[in-house]
Amino acid sequence: MCQMLLSINPEHVENIFNGKKLYEFRKVRCRDTVDRIIIYATAPQKMVVGEAEIEEVIEDEINVVWQQTKDFAGITYAFFRSYYKGKKKAVAYRLRNVEAYEQPKKLSEYGIVYPPQSFIYLESATI
């Protein structure tokens, strides 16, 4: 299978690690072969801080996705609506087996020079 490295705001990363946020939301769906997310915390951390398996991918109309994810979205409805403003579809990755790294890693350890705007695919051999 395949992995993707996601750029995530440190506030959301914290909520993923403490279990308040079981879903990671995106505007674009990744390849079906992706089964693991590598978590890159954006500024001020700027480090790869953990990983999680993808349990399921929900892709549907925005309000349908919110109804299915709201209890563990880790974000407010206002933030959700603002993120998807002008979009018809939403994508939510349900996370499981979340692991915070004891020692955060640099992007260079993955052969990456610049953090992705949203995500980048990683082949298993990269890790």
Protein backbone atom coordinates (compact mmCIF):
# COMPACT_ATOMS: atom_id res chain seq x y z
CA MET A 1 0.00 0.00 0.00
CA CYS A 2 0.92 3.66 0.03
CA GLN A 3 1.30 6.48 2.53
CA MET A 4 0.73 10.19 2.33
CA LEU A 5 2.29 12.96 4.36
CA LEU A 6 -0.27 15.57 5.40
CA SER A 7 0.45 19.11 6.53
CA ILE A 8 -1.72 19.72 9.60
CA ASN A 9 -1.99 22.72 11.91
CA PRO A 10 -0.42 21.93 15.34
CA GLU A 11 -3.75 22.65 17.11
CA HIS A 12 -5.43 19.94 15.04
CA VAL A 13 -2.48 17.60 15.52
CA GLU A 14 -2.89 17.94 19.28
CA ASN A 15 -6.59 17.09 18.99
CA ILE A 16 -5.75 14.05 16.86
CA PHE A 17 -3.28 12.83 19.47
CA ASN A 18 -5.65 13.39 22.40
CA GLY A 19 -8.55 11.64 20.66
CA LYS A 20 -10.85 14.66 20.19
CA LYS A 21 -10.32 14.60 16.43
CA LEU A 22 -10.85 11.21 14.78
CA TYR A 23 -11.32 12.67 11.30
CA GLU A 24 -8.97 14.61 9.08
CA PHE A 25 -10.80 16.69 6.48
CA ARG A 26 -9.60 17.43 2.98
CA LYS A 27 -11.01 18.97 -0.18
CA VAL A 28 -9.44 16.36 -2.46
CA ARG A 29 -9.50 12.60 -2.03
CA CYS A 30 -6.23 10.72 -2.21
CA ARG A 31 -5.55 7.52 -4.14
CA ASP A 32 -7.44 4.43 -3.00
CA THR A 33 -4.13 2.70 -2.28
CA VAL A 34 -3.24 5.05 0.60
CA ASP A 35 -3.71 3.33 3.94
CA ARG A 36 -1.52 5.41 6.28
CA ILE A 37 -1.11 9.10 7.03
CA ILE A 38 2.21 10.55 8.13
CA ILE A 39 1.49 13.69 10.18
CA TYR A 40 3.53 16.83 9.55
CA ALA A 41 2.82 19.61 12.06
CA THR A 42 3.05 23.01 10.37
CA ALA A 43 4.64 26.14 11.86
CA PRO A 44 5.82 26.71 14.45
CA GLN A 45 6.72 23.01 14.87
CA LYS A 46 7.64 22.17 11.27
CA MET A 47 8.28 18.50 12.07
CA VAL A 48 6.87 15.07 11.27
CA VAL A 49 5.29 14.19 14.60
CA GLY A 50 3.33 10.97 14.12
CA GLU A 51 1.24 8.70 11.97
CA ALA A 52 -2.14 7.01 11.76
CA GLU A 53 -3.91 4.35 9.76
CA ILE A 54 -6.88 5.26 7.60
CA GLU A 55 -9.86 3.26 8.84
CA GLU A 56 -12.27 4.59 6.23
CA VAL A 57 -12.74 7.43 3.78
CA ILE A 58 -16.01 9.31 3.71
CA GLU A 59 -16.69 11.34 0.58
CA ASP A 60 -20.08 12.94 0.11
CA GLU A 61 -21.97 16.22 0.13
CA ILE A 62 -20.67 18.60 2.78
CA ASN A 63 -23.65 18.37 5.14
CA VAL A 64 -23.75 14.57 4.90
CA VAL A 65 -20.08 14.35 5.86
CA TRP A 66 -20.61 16.74 8.78
CA GLN A 67 -23.53 14.68 10.12
CA GLN A 68 -21.39 11.53 10.02
CA THR A 69 -18.30 13.08 11.61
CA LYS A 70 -19.41 15.95 13.88
CA ASP A 71 -19.09 14.09 17.20
CA PHE A 72 -15.36 13.53 16.66
CA ALA A 73 -14.55 16.19 14.07
CA GLY A 74 -12.35 18.13 16.49
CA ILE A 75 -13.44 21.36 14.79
CA THR A 76 -16.47 23.62 14.96
CA TYR A 77 -19.24 23.61 12.39
CA ALA A 78 -18.33 27.22 11.51
CA PHE A 79 -14.72 26.20 10.80
CA PHE A 80 -15.92 23.21 8.76
CA ARG A 81 -18.26 25.37 6.64
CA SER A 82 -15.56 27.98 6.13
CA TYR A 83 -13.04 25.32 5.01
CA TYR A 84 -15.45 23.94 2.42
CA LYS A 85 -16.84 27.30 1.26
CA GLY A 86 -17.68 27.07 -2.43
CA LYS A 87 -17.25 23.28 -2.51
CA LYS A 88 -19.97 20.67 -3.00
CA LYS A 89 -18.11 17.62 -1.70
CA ALA A 90 -16.13 16.92 1.45
CA VAL A 91 -13.62 14.19 2.21
CA ALA A 92 -13.02 12.86 5.72
CA TYR A 93 -10.39 10.31 6.68
CA ARG A 94 -11.30 8.35 9.81
CA LEU A 95 -8.09 7.72 11.73
CA ARG A 96 -7.17 4.74 13.89
CA ASN A 97 -4.03 3.49 15.62
CA VAL A 98 -2.73 7.03 15.97
CA GLU A 99 0.88 7.16 17.10
CA ALA A 100 2.77 10.24 18.26
CA TYR A 101 6.51 9.92 17.65
CA GLU A 102 8.70 10.16 20.73
CA GLN A 103 11.25 12.00 18.61
CA PRO A 104 9.79 14.18 15.84
CA LYS A 105 11.46 13.81 12.45
CA LYS A 106 12.63 16.29 9.85
CA LEU A 107 11.11 16.31 6.37
CA SER A 108 14.57 15.60 4.98
CA GLU A 109 14.40 12.13 6.57
CA TYR A 110 11.62 11.43 4.04
CA GLY A 111 13.51 12.96 1.12
CA ILE A 112 11.26 16.03 1.17
CA VAL A 113 12.68 19.54 0.88
CA TYR A 114 9.53 21.66 1.27
CA PRO A 115 6.36 20.87 3.22
CA PRO A 116 3.40 20.07 0.99
CA GLN A 117 0.58 22.60 0.74
CA SER A 118 -1.88 19.80 1.49
CA PHE A 119 -0.34 16.34 1.05
CA ILE A 120 2.30 14.36 -0.79
CA TYR A 121 2.43 10.64 -1.54
CA LEU A 122 5.20 8.57 0.01
CA GLU A 123 6.13 5.20 -1.34
CA SER A 124 6.78 2.62 1.38
CA ALA A 125 10.46 2.46 0.45
CA THR A 126 10.79 6.13 1.47
CA ILE A 127 10.19 5.33 5.13
